[in-house]
PDB file of N, CA and C in Angstrom:
ATOM      1  N   MET A   1     -15.044 -77.866 -20.219  1.00  0.00           N
ATOM      2  CA  MET A   1     -14.138 -76.759 -19.970  1.00  0.00           C
ATOM      3  C   MET A   1     -12.707 -77.230 -20.213  1.00  0.00           C
ATOM      4  N   ALA A   2     -11.945 -76.414 -20.897  1.00  0.00           N
ATOM      5  CA  ALA A   2     -10.561 -76.759 -21.207  1.00  0.00           C
ATOM      6  C   ALA A   2      -9.679 -76.664 -19.966  1.00  0.00           C
ATOM      7  N   THR A   3      -8.572 -77.388 -19.994  1.00  0.00           N
ATOM      8  CA  THR A   3      -7.622 -77.346 -18.893  1.00  0.00           C
ATOM      9  C   THR A   3      -6.870 -76.024 -18.933  1.00  0.00           C
ATOM     10  N   LEU A   4      -6.712 -75.397 -17.774  1.00  0.00           N
ATOM     11  CA  LEU A   4      -6.001 -74.130 -17.711  1.00  0.00           C
ATOM     12  C   LEU A   4      -4.497 -74.368 -17.739  1.00  0.00           C
ATOM     13  N   LYS A   5      -3.788 -73.465 -18.369  1.00  0.00           N
ATOM     14  CA  LYS A   5      -2.349 -73.622 -18.511  1.00  0.00           C
ATOM     15  C   LYS A   5      -1.572 -72.903 -17.415  1.00  0.00           C
ATOM     16  N   ILE A   6      -2.263 -72.076 -16.633  1.00  0.00           N
ATOM     17  CA  ILE A   6      -1.646 -71.364 -15.516  1.00  0.00           C
ATOM     18  C   ILE A   6      -2.183 -71.967 -14.222  1.00  0.00           C
ATOM     19  N   LYS A   7      -1.285 -72.223 -13.268  1.00  0.00           N
ATOM     20  CA  LYS A   7      -1.676 -72.813 -11.992  1.00  0.00           C
ATOM     21  C   LYS A   7      -1.234 -71.918 -10.837  1.00  0.00           C
ATOM     22  N   LYS A   8      -1.806 -72.169  -9.673  1.00  0.00           N
ATOM     23  CA  LYS A   8      -1.421 -71.459  -8.465  1.00  0.00           C
ATOM     24  C   LYS A   8       0.056 -71.729  -8.178  1.00  0.00           C
ATOM     25  N   GLY A   9       0.803 -70.666  -7.864  1.00  0.00           N
ATOM     26  CA  GLY A   9       2.227 -70.811  -7.561  1.00  0.00           C
ATOM     27  C   GLY A   9       3.130 -70.524  -8.745  1.00  0.00           C
ATOM     28  N   ASP A  10       2.586 -70.468  -9.959  1.00  0.00           N
ATOM     29  CA  ASP A  10       3.392 -70.151 -11.145  1.00  0.00           C
ATOM     30  C   ASP A  10       3.819 -68.688 -11.109  1.00  0.00           C
ATOM     31  N   THR A  11       4.949 -68.399 -11.725  1.00  0.00           N
ATOM     32  CA  THR A  11       5.371 -67.016 -11.927  1.00  0.00           C
ATOM     33  C   THR A  11       4.900 -66.595 -13.313  1.00  0.00           C
ATOM     34  N   VAL A  12       4.214 -65.463 -13.379  1.00  0.00           N
ATOM     35  CA  VAL A  12       3.659 -64.996 -14.643  1.00  0.00           C
ATOM     36  C   VAL A  12       4.043 -63.541 -14.898  1.00  0.00           C
ATOM     37  N   LYS A  13       3.939 -63.151 -16.170  1.00  0.00           N
ATOM     38  CA  LYS A  13       4.204 -61.774 -16.586  1.00  0.00           C
ATOM     39  C   LYS A  13       2.931 -61.226 -17.209  1.00  0.00           C
ATOM     40  N   VAL A  14       2.556 -60.003 -16.830  1.00  0.00           N
ATOM     41  CA  VAL A  14       1.366 -59.359 -17.385  1.00  0.00           C
ATOM     42  C   VAL A  14       1.727 -58.804 -18.760  1.00  0.00           C
ATOM     43  N   ILE A  15       0.927 -59.144 -19.773  1.00  0.00           N
ATOM     44  CA  ILE A  15       1.237 -58.737 -21.139  1.00  0.00           C
ATOM     45  C   ILE A  15       0.287 -57.670 -21.679  1.00  0.00           C
ATOM     46  N   ALA A  16      -0.735 -57.300 -20.893  1.00  0.00           N
ATOM     47  CA  ALA A  16      -1.672 -56.279 -21.352  1.00  0.00           C
ATOM     48  C   ALA A  16      -2.290 -55.578 -20.155  1.00  0.00           C
ATOM     49  N   GLY A  17      -2.701 -54.333 -20.376  1.00  0.00           N
ATOM     50  CA  GLY A  17      -3.406 -53.592 -19.341  1.00  0.00           C
ATOM     51  C   GLY A  17      -2.528 -52.609 -18.593  1.00  0.00           C
ATOM     52  N   ARG A  18      -3.073 -52.087 -17.518  1.00  0.00           N
ATOM     53  CA  ARG A  18      -2.432 -51.045 -16.723  1.00  0.00           C
ATOM     54  C   ARG A  18      -1.109 -51.502 -16.115  1.00  0.00           C
ATOM     55  N   ASP A  19      -1.007 -52.769 -15.753  1.00  0.00           N
ATOM     56  CA  ASP A  19       0.187 -53.296 -15.094  1.00  0.00           C
ATOM     57  C   ASP A  19       1.084 -54.083 -16.046  1.00  0.00           C
ATOM     58  N   LYS A  20       1.081 -53.728 -17.318  1.00  0.00           N
ATOM     59  CA  LYS A  20       1.871 -54.436 -18.325  1.00  0.00           C
ATOM     60  C   LYS A  20       3.343 -54.502 -17.917  1.00  0.00           C
ATOM     61  N   ASP A  21       3.980 -55.648 -18.182  1.00  0.00           N
ATOM     62  CA  ASP A  21       5.398 -55.933 -17.914  1.00  0.00           C
ATOM     63  C   ASP A  21       5.715 -56.214 -16.446  1.00  0.00           C
ATOM     64  N   LYS A  22       4.724 -56.243 -15.573  1.00  0.00           N
ATOM     65  CA  LYS A  22       4.983 -56.624 -14.186  1.00  0.00           C
ATOM     66  C   LYS A  22       4.976 -58.142 -14.076  1.00  0.00           C
ATOM     67  N   GLU A  23       5.784 -58.661 -13.150  1.00  0.00           N
ATOM     68  CA  GLU A  23       5.823 -60.096 -12.904  1.00  0.00           C
ATOM     69  C   GLU A  23       5.416 -60.370 -11.473  1.00  0.00           C
ATOM     70  N   GLY A  24       4.829 -61.537 -11.243  1.00  0.00           N
ATOM     71  CA  GLY A  24       4.428 -61.907  -9.904  1.00  0.00           C
ATOM     72  C   GLY A  24       4.010 -63.355  -9.839  1.00  0.00           C
ATOM     73  N   LYS A  25       3.782 -63.816  -8.623  1.00  0.00           N
ATOM     74  CA  LYS A  25       3.386 -65.193  -8.365  1.00  0.00           C
ATOM     75  C   LYS A  25       1.865 -65.279  -8.343  1.00  0.00           C
ATOM     76  N   VAL A  26       1.306 -66.337  -8.921  1.00  0.00           N
ATOM     77  CA  VAL A  26      -0.136 -66.525  -8.943  1.00  0.00           C
ATOM     78  C   VAL A  26      -0.601 -66.972  -7.556  1.00  0.00           C
ATOM     79  N   LEU A  27      -1.526 -66.204  -6.966  1.00  0.00           N
ATOM     80  CA  LEU A  27      -2.048 -66.509  -5.638  1.00  0.00           C
ATOM     81  C   LEU A  27      -3.287 -67.388  -5.709  1.00  0.00           C
ATOM     82  N   ALA A  28      -4.109 -67.195  -6.742  1.00  0.00           N
ATOM     83  CA  ALA A  28      -5.342 -67.976  -6.882  1.00  0.00           C
ATOM     84  C   ALA A  28      -5.777 -67.974  -8.345  1.00  0.00           C
ATOM     85  N   VAL A  29      -6.475 -69.041  -8.733  1.00  0.00           N
ATOM     86  CA  VAL A  29      -7.006 -69.171 -10.084  1.00  0.00           C
ATOM     87  C   VAL A  29      -8.499 -69.438  -9.984  1.00  0.00           C
ATOM     88  N   ASN A  30      -9.300 -68.668 -10.715  1.00  0.00           N
ATOM     89  CA  ASN A  30     -10.739 -68.882 -10.776  1.00  0.00           C
ATOM     90  C   ASN A  30     -11.065 -69.377 -12.184  1.00  0.00           C
ATOM     91  N   ALA A  31     -11.209 -70.686 -12.333  1.00  0.00           N
ATOM     92  CA  ALA A  31     -11.418 -71.285 -13.648  1.00  0.00           C
ATOM     93  C   ALA A  31     -12.765 -70.891 -14.242  1.00  0.00           C
ATOM     94  N   ALA A  32     -13.786 -70.791 -13.411  1.00  0.00           N
ATOM     95  CA  ALA A  32     -15.130 -70.469 -13.901  1.00  0.00           C
ATOM     96  C   ALA A  32     -15.174 -69.076 -14.520  1.00  0.00           C
ATOM     97  N   ALA A  33     -14.512 -68.119 -13.894  1.00  0.00           N
ATOM     98  CA  ALA A  33     -14.512 -66.744 -14.392  1.00  0.00           C
ATOM     99  C   ALA A  33     -13.348 -66.483 -15.344  1.00  0.00           C
ATOM    100  N   GLY A  34     -12.364 -67.381 -15.384  1.00  0.00           N
ATOM    101  CA  GLY A  34     -11.206 -67.196 -16.258  1.00  0.00           C
ATOM    102  C   GLY A  34     -10.281 -66.104 -15.773  1.00  0.00           C
ATOM    103  N   THR A  35     -10.132 -65.980 -14.451  1.00  0.00           N
ATOM    104  CA  THR A  35      -9.290 -64.932 -13.891  1.00  0.00           C
ATOM    105  C   THR A  35      -8.248 -65.504 -12.946  1.00  0.00           C
ATOM    106  N   VAL A  36      -7.206 -64.705 -12.693  1.00  0.00           N
ATOM    107  CA  VAL A  36      -6.168 -65.075 -11.734  1.00  0.00           C
ATOM    108  C   VAL A  36      -5.878 -63.896 -10.822  1.00  0.00           C
ATOM    109  N   LEU A  37      -5.391 -64.179  -9.612  1.00  0.00           N
ATOM    110  CA  LEU A  37      -4.888 -63.152  -8.708  1.00  0.00           C
ATOM    111  C   LEU A  37      -3.369 -63.251  -8.736  1.00  0.00           C
ATOM    112  N   VAL A  38      -2.701 -62.161  -9.086  1.00  0.00           N
ATOM    113  CA  VAL A  38      -1.252 -62.146  -9.182  1.00  0.00           C
ATOM    114  C   VAL A  38      -0.709 -61.191  -8.129  1.00  0.00           C
ATOM    115  N   GLU A  39       0.314 -61.635  -7.425  1.00  0.00           N
ATOM    116  CA  GLU A  39       0.926 -60.879  -6.345  1.00  0.00           C
ATOM    117  C   GLU A  39       1.433 -59.526  -6.844  1.00  0.00           C
ATOM    118  N   GLY A  40       0.918 -58.430  -6.267  1.00  0.00           N
ATOM    119  CA  GLY A  40       1.372 -57.082  -6.587  1.00  0.00           C
ATOM    120  C   GLY A  40       0.838 -56.503  -7.883  1.00  0.00           C
ATOM    121  N   VAL A  41      -0.142 -57.157  -8.501  1.00  0.00           N
ATOM    122  CA  VAL A  41      -0.687 -56.699  -9.782  1.00  0.00           C
ATOM    123  C   VAL A  41      -2.166 -56.364  -9.614  1.00  0.00           C
ATOM    124  N   ASN A  42      -2.609 -55.295 -10.275  1.00  0.00           N
ATOM    125  CA  ASN A  42      -4.007 -54.852 -10.254  1.00  0.00           C
ATOM    126  C   ASN A  42      -4.466 -54.582  -8.824  1.00  0.00           C
ATOM    127  N   MET A  43      -3.700 -53.758  -8.111  1.00  0.00           N
ATOM    128  CA  MET A  43      -4.014 -53.434  -6.721  1.00  0.00           C
ATOM    129  C   MET A  43      -5.258 -52.549  -6.669  1.00  0.00           C
ATOM    130  N   ILE A  44      -6.199 -52.931  -5.789  1.00  0.00           N
ATOM    131  CA  ILE A  44      -7.437 -52.181  -5.618  1.00  0.00           C
ATOM    132  C   ILE A  44      -7.600 -51.823  -4.153  1.00  0.00           C
ATOM    133  N   LYS A  45      -8.401 -50.806  -3.896  1.00  0.00           N
ATOM    134  CA  LYS A  45      -8.688 -50.406  -2.523  1.00  0.00           C
ATOM    135  C   LYS A  45     -10.082 -50.893  -2.172  1.00  0.00           C
ATOM    136  N   LYS A  46     -10.187 -51.517  -0.994  1.00  0.00           N
ATOM    137  CA  LYS A  46     -11.458 -52.064  -0.549  1.00  0.00           C
ATOM    138  C   LYS A  46     -11.796 -51.471   0.813  1.00  0.00           C
ATOM    139  N   HIS A  47     -13.009 -50.993   0.957  1.00  0.00           N
ATOM    140  CA  HIS A  47     -13.457 -50.425   2.224  1.00  0.00           C
ATOM    141  C   HIS A  47     -14.025 -51.551   3.078  1.00  0.00           C
ATOM    142  N   THR A  48     -13.491 -51.696   4.291  1.00  0.00           N
ATOM    143  CA  THR A  48     -13.919 -52.793   5.163  1.00  0.00           C
ATOM    144  C   THR A  48     -14.488 -52.264   6.469  1.00  0.00           C
ATOM    145  N   LYS A  49     -15.467 -52.989   6.998  1.00  0.00           N
ATOM    146  CA  LYS A  49     -16.024 -52.667   8.305  1.00  0.00           C
ATOM    147  C   LYS A  49     -15.145 -53.282   9.386  1.00  0.00           C
ATOM    148  N   PRO A  50     -15.189 -52.761  10.584  1.00  0.00           N
ATOM    149  CA  PRO A  50     -14.444 -53.388  11.681  1.00  0.00           C
ATOM    150  C   PRO A  50     -14.966 -54.806  11.946  1.00  0.00           C
ATOM    151  N   ASN A  51     -14.038 -55.738  12.183  1.00  0.00           N
ATOM    152  CA  ASN A  51     -14.412 -57.108  12.537  1.00  0.00           C
ATOM    153  C   ASN A  51     -13.339 -57.685  13.453  1.00  0.00           C
ATOM    154  N   ASN A  52     -13.425 -58.966  13.771  1.00  0.00           N
ATOM    155  CA  ASN A  52     -12.469 -59.577  14.690  1.00  0.00           C
ATOM    156  C   ASN A  52     -11.037 -59.547  14.154  1.00  0.00           C
ATOM    157  N   ASN A  53     -10.876 -59.743  12.857  1.00  0.00           N
ATOM    158  CA  ASN A  53      -9.532 -59.743  12.263  1.00  0.00           C
ATOM    159  C   ASN A  53      -8.952 -58.340  12.144  1.00  0.00           C
ATOM    160  N   ASN A  54      -9.777 -57.377  11.808  1.00  0.00           N
ATOM    161  CA  ASN A  54      -9.340 -55.996  11.609  1.00  0.00           C
ATOM    162  C   ASN A  54     -10.208 -55.110  12.508  1.00  0.00           C
ATOM    163  N   GLN A  55      -9.703 -54.789  13.693  1.00  0.00           N
ATOM    164  CA  GLN A  55     -10.497 -54.080  14.699  1.00  0.00           C
ATOM    165  C   GLN A  55     -10.937 -52.689  14.254  1.00  0.00           C
ATOM    166  N   GLU A  56     -10.085 -52.008  13.498  1.00  0.00           N
ATOM    167  CA  GLU A  56     -10.395 -50.630  13.127  1.00  0.00           C
ATOM    168  C   GLU A  56     -11.156 -50.497  11.815  1.00  0.00           C
ATOM    169  N   GLY A  57     -11.041 -51.491  10.922  1.00  0.00           N
ATOM    170  CA  GLY A  57     -11.671 -51.364   9.612  1.00  0.00           C
ATOM    171  C   GLY A  57     -10.890 -50.370   8.775  1.00  0.00           C
ATOM    172  N   GLY A  58     -11.543 -49.743   7.815  1.00  0.00           N
ATOM    173  CA  GLY A  58     -10.890 -48.734   7.000  1.00  0.00           C
ATOM    174  C   GLY A  58     -10.661 -49.200   5.570  1.00  0.00           C
ATOM    175  N   ILE A  59      -9.658 -48.603   4.926  1.00  0.00           N
ATOM    176  CA  ILE A  59      -9.372 -48.882   3.529  1.00  0.00           C
ATOM    177  C   ILE A  59      -8.205 -49.856   3.446  1.00  0.00           C
ATOM    178  N   VAL A  60      -8.432 -50.983   2.762  1.00  0.00           N
ATOM    179  CA  VAL A  60      -7.427 -52.035   2.625  1.00  0.00           C
ATOM    180  C   VAL A  60      -7.033 -52.137   1.155  1.00  0.00           C
ATOM    181  N   THR A  61      -5.735 -52.234   0.889  1.00  0.00           N
ATOM    182  CA  THR A  61      -5.247 -52.423  -0.478  1.00  0.00           C
ATOM    183  C   THR A  61      -4.973 -53.905  -0.696  1.00  0.00           C
ATOM    184  N   GLN A  62      -5.537 -54.460  -1.779  1.00  0.00           N
ATOM    185  CA  GLN A  62      -5.348 -55.876  -2.069  1.00  0.00           C
ATOM    186  C   GLN A  62      -5.334 -56.113  -3.579  1.00  0.00           C
ATOM    187  N   GLU A  63      -4.927 -57.324  -3.977  1.00  0.00           N
ATOM    188  CA  GLU A  63      -4.885 -57.665  -5.389  1.00  0.00           C
ATOM    189  C   GLU A  63      -6.296 -57.903  -5.925  1.00  0.00           C
ATOM    190  N   GLY A  64      -6.524 -57.447  -7.143  1.00  0.00           N
ATOM    191  CA  GLY A  64      -7.795 -57.705  -7.810  1.00  0.00           C
ATOM    192  C   GLY A  64      -7.588 -58.723  -8.914  1.00  0.00           C
ATOM    193  N   PRO A  65      -8.659 -59.356  -9.382  1.00  0.00           N
ATOM    194  CA  PRO A  65      -8.520 -60.367 -10.427  1.00  0.00           C
ATOM    195  C   PRO A  65      -8.146 -59.753 -11.764  1.00  0.00           C
ATOM    196  N   ILE A  66      -7.383 -60.508 -12.543  1.00  0.00           N
ATOM    197  CA  ILE A  66      -6.988 -60.094 -13.892  1.00  0.00           C
ATOM    198  C   ILE A  66      -7.300 -61.264 -14.818  1.00  0.00           C
ATOM    199  N   ASN A  67      -7.727 -60.974 -16.033  1.00  0.00           N
ATOM    200  CA  ASN A  67      -8.096 -62.031 -16.964  1.00  0.00           C
ATOM    201  C   ASN A  67      -6.891 -62.910 -17.287  1.00  0.00           C
ATOM    202  N   ILE A  68      -7.115 -64.203 -17.348  1.00  0.00           N
ATOM    203  CA  ILE A  68      -6.020 -65.159 -17.544  1.00  0.00           C
ATOM    204  C   ILE A  68      -5.363 -64.995 -18.915  1.00  0.00           C
ATOM    205  N   SER A  69      -6.082 -64.396 -19.880  1.00  0.00           N
ATOM    206  CA  SER A  69      -5.507 -64.180 -21.204  1.00  0.00           C
ATOM    207  C   SER A  69      -4.494 -63.043 -21.205  1.00  0.00           C
ATOM    208  N   ASN A  70      -4.446 -62.259 -20.130  1.00  0.00           N
ATOM    209  CA  ASN A  70      -3.522 -61.129 -20.053  1.00  0.00           C
ATOM    210  C   ASN A  70      -2.222 -61.465 -19.339  1.00  0.00           C
ATOM    211  N   VAL A  71      -1.986 -62.744 -19.045  1.00  0.00           N
ATOM    212  CA  VAL A  71      -0.739 -63.145 -18.394  1.00  0.00           C
ATOM    213  C   VAL A  71      -0.073 -64.272 -19.184  1.00  0.00           C
ATOM    214  N   MET A  72       1.263 -64.339 -19.086  1.00  0.00           N
ATOM    215  CA  MET A  72       2.036 -65.402 -19.721  1.00  0.00           C
ATOM    216  C   MET A  72       2.935 -66.039 -18.684  1.00  0.00           C
ATOM    217  N   TYR A  73       3.118 -67.337 -18.790  1.00  0.00           N
ATOM    218  CA  TYR A  73       3.990 -68.089 -17.891  1.00  0.00           C
ATOM    219  C   TYR A  73       5.442 -67.657 -18.103  1.00  0.00           C
ATOM    220  N   VAL A  74       6.202 -67.521 -17.010  1.00  0.00           N
ATOM    221  CA  VAL A  74       7.620 -67.158 -17.098  1.00  0.00           C
ATOM    222  C   VAL A  74       8.450 -68.401 -16.802  1.00  0.00           C
ATOM    223  N   HIS A  75       9.289 -68.789 -17.784  1.00  0.00           N
ATOM    224  CA  HIS A  75      10.160 -69.958 -17.641  1.00  0.00           C
ATOM    225  C   HIS A  75      11.603 -69.507 -17.831  1.00  0.00           C
ATOM    226  N   LYS A  76      12.397 -69.647 -16.785  1.00  0.00           N
ATOM    227  CA  LYS A  76      13.810 -69.225 -16.794  1.00  0.00           C
ATOM    228  C   LYS A  76      13.958 -67.763 -17.204  1.00  0.00           C
ATOM    229  N   GLY A  77      13.101 -66.906 -16.624  1.00  0.00           N
ATOM    230  CA  GLY A  77      13.193 -65.471 -16.843  1.00  0.00           C
ATOM    231  C   GLY A  77      12.609 -64.974 -18.143  1.00  0.00           C
ATOM    232  N   GLN A  78      11.997 -65.846 -18.923  1.00  0.00           N
ATOM    233  CA  GLN A  78      11.461 -65.453 -20.223  1.00  0.00           C
ATOM    234  C   GLN A  78       9.996 -65.864 -20.330  1.00  0.00           C
ATOM    235  N   ALA A  79       9.143 -64.957 -20.777  1.00  0.00           N
ATOM    236  CA  ALA A  79       7.730 -65.274 -20.953  1.00  0.00           C
ATOM    237  C   ALA A  79       7.578 -66.237 -22.121  1.00  0.00           C
ATOM    238  N   THR A  80       6.784 -67.269 -21.924  1.00  0.00           N
ATOM    239  CA  THR A  80       6.611 -68.285 -22.954  1.00  0.00           C
ATOM    240  C   THR A  80       5.191 -68.813 -22.957  1.00  0.00           C
ATOM    241  N   ARG A  81       4.786 -69.362 -24.089  1.00  0.00           N
ATOM    242  CA  ARG A  81       3.502 -70.026 -24.166  1.00  0.00           C
ATOM    243  C   ARG A  81       3.639 -71.414 -23.548  1.00  0.00           C
ATOM    244  N   VAL A  82       2.519 -71.951 -23.107  1.00  0.00           N
ATOM    245  CA  VAL A  82       2.517 -73.249 -22.440  1.00  0.00           C
ATOM    246  C   VAL A  82       1.661 -74.212 -23.247  1.00  0.00           C
ATOM    247  N   GLY A  83       2.141 -75.447 -23.378  1.00  0.00           N
ATOM    248  CA  GLY A  83       1.390 -76.481 -24.075  1.00  0.00           C
ATOM    249  C   GLY A  83       1.349 -77.742 -23.241  1.00  0.00           C
ATOM    250  N   PHE A  84       0.626 -78.717 -23.744  1.00  0.00           N
ATOM    251  CA  PHE A  84       0.538 -80.015 -23.086  1.00  0.00           C
ATOM    252  C   PHE A  84       1.074 -81.083 -24.016  1.00  0.00           C
ATOM    253  N   LYS A  85       1.739 -82.080 -23.450  1.00  0.00           N
ATOM    254  CA  LYS A  85       2.153 -83.255 -24.209  1.00  0.00           C
ATOM    255  C   LYS A  85       2.233 -84.436 -23.259  1.00  0.00           C
ATOM    256  N   PHE A  86       2.305 -85.614 -23.840  1.00  0.00           N
ATOM    257  CA  PHE A  86       2.384 -86.835 -23.047  1.00  0.00           C
ATOM    258  C   PHE A  86       3.828 -87.309 -22.982  1.00  0.00           C
ATOM    259  N   VAL A  87       4.321 -87.518 -21.746  1.00  0.00           N
ATOM    260  CA  VAL A  87       5.658 -88.046 -21.515  1.00  0.00           C
ATOM    261  C   VAL A  87       5.503 -89.306 -20.666  1.00  0.00           C
ATOM    262  N   ASP A  88       5.919 -90.428 -21.194  1.00  0.00           N
ATOM    263  CA  ASP A  88       5.792 -91.719 -20.506  1.00  0.00           C
ATOM    264  C   ASP A  88       4.346 -91.995 -20.089  1.00  0.00           C
ATOM    265  N   GLY A  89       3.402 -91.649 -20.958  1.00  0.00           N
ATOM    266  CA  GLY A  89       1.993 -91.908 -20.681  1.00  0.00           C
ATOM    267  C   GLY A  89       1.359 -90.944 -19.708  1.00  0.00           C
ATOM    268  N   LYS A  90       2.063 -89.879 -19.331  1.00  0.00           N
ATOM    269  CA  LYS A  90       1.543 -88.902 -18.380  1.00  0.00           C
ATOM    270  C   LYS A  90       1.459 -87.534 -19.066  1.00  0.00           C
ATOM    271  N   LYS A  91       0.339 -86.839 -18.873  1.00  0.00           N
ATOM    272  CA  LYS A  91       0.141 -85.521 -19.471  1.00  0.00           C
ATOM    273  C   LYS A  91       0.888 -84.466 -18.648  1.00  0.00           C
ATOM    274  N   VAL A  92       1.768 -83.708 -19.292  1.00  0.00           N
ATOM    275  CA  VAL A  92       2.562 -82.695 -18.592  1.00  0.00           C
ATOM    276  C   VAL A  92       2.504 -81.368 -19.340  1.00  0.00           C
ATOM    277  N   ARG A  93       2.761 -80.293 -18.614  1.00  0.00           N
ATOM    278  CA  ARG A  93       2.883 -78.977 -19.238  1.00  0.00           C
ATOM    279  C   ARG A  93       4.323 -78.789 -19.704  1.00  0.00           C
ATOM    280  N   TYR A  94       4.496 -78.071 -20.815  1.00  0.00           N
ATOM    281  CA  TYR A  94       5.847 -77.770 -21.266  1.00  0.00           C
ATOM    282  C   TYR A  94       5.902 -76.355 -21.839  1.00  0.00           C
ATOM    283  N   ALA A  95       7.101 -75.769 -21.757  1.00  0.00           N
ATOM    284  CA  ALA A  95       7.328 -74.430 -22.294  1.00  0.00           C
ATOM    285  C   ALA A  95       7.577 -74.542 -23.788  1.00  0.00           C
ATOM    286  N   LYS A  96       6.797 -73.847 -24.593  1.00  0.00           N
ATOM    287  CA  LYS A  96       6.917 -73.953 -26.045  1.00  0.00           C
ATOM    288  C   LYS A  96       8.170 -73.280 -26.573  1.00  0.00           C
ATOM    289  N   SER A  97       8.742 -72.337 -25.818  1.00  0.00           N
ATOM    290  CA  SER A  97       9.913 -71.610 -26.310  1.00  0.00           C
ATOM    291  C   SER A  97      11.146 -72.504 -26.418  1.00  0.00           C
ATOM    292  N   ASN A  98      11.299 -73.455 -25.469  1.00  0.00           N
ATOM    293  CA  ASN A  98      12.474 -74.325 -25.511  1.00  0.00           C
ATOM    294  C   ASN A  98      12.128 -75.800 -25.339  1.00  0.00           C
ATOM    295  N   ASP A  99      10.832 -76.141 -25.396  1.00  0.00           N
ATOM    296  CA  ASP A  99      10.366 -77.525 -25.358  1.00  0.00           C
ATOM    297  C   ASP A  99      10.752 -78.266 -24.085  1.00  0.00           C
ATOM    298  N   GLU A 100      10.899 -77.551 -22.956  1.00  0.00           N
ATOM    299  CA  GLU A 100      11.237 -78.180 -21.683  1.00  0.00           C
ATOM    300  C   GLU A 100       9.978 -78.420 -20.868  1.00  0.00           C
ATOM    301  N   VAL A 101       9.956 -79.546 -20.147  1.00  0.00           N
ATOM    302  CA  VAL A 101       8.821 -79.901 -19.301  1.00  0.00           C
ATOM    303  C   VAL A 101       8.826 -79.006 -18.068  1.00  0.00           C
ATOM    304  N   ILE A 102       7.654 -78.463 -17.728  1.00  0.00           N
ATOM    305  CA  ILE A 102       7.523 -77.568 -16.569  1.00  0.00           C
ATOM    306  C   ILE A 102       7.291 -78.380 -15.302  1.00  0.00           C
ATOM    307  N   ASP A 103       6.304 -79.289 -15.351  1.00  0.00           N
ATOM    308  CA  ASP A 103       6.016 -80.096 -14.168  1.00  0.00           C
ATOM    309  C   ASP A 103       5.557 -81.486 -14.557  1.00  0.00           C
TER     310      ASP A 103
END
């Protein structure tokens, strides 16, 4: 399996689908399914039963998964592609738009 270019905590922009042009922080990454959860994007309604955490139950609005190919990393306010390169013998991610190291 290839290394994913988007990580938890990254800011991303949605480039396709119902929520196109929205930006948000990545809450979770599912590498096996190739999906991400982005804050405030692809909101779905879920019907829940009463439990200890939610005494009344009812309809809860939460983020749904979106395919990782439909998001782009945002670097300094601009959506950019992400690549990998070796710096001082260490593999790092970098923004292809301006060749700056991300982490």
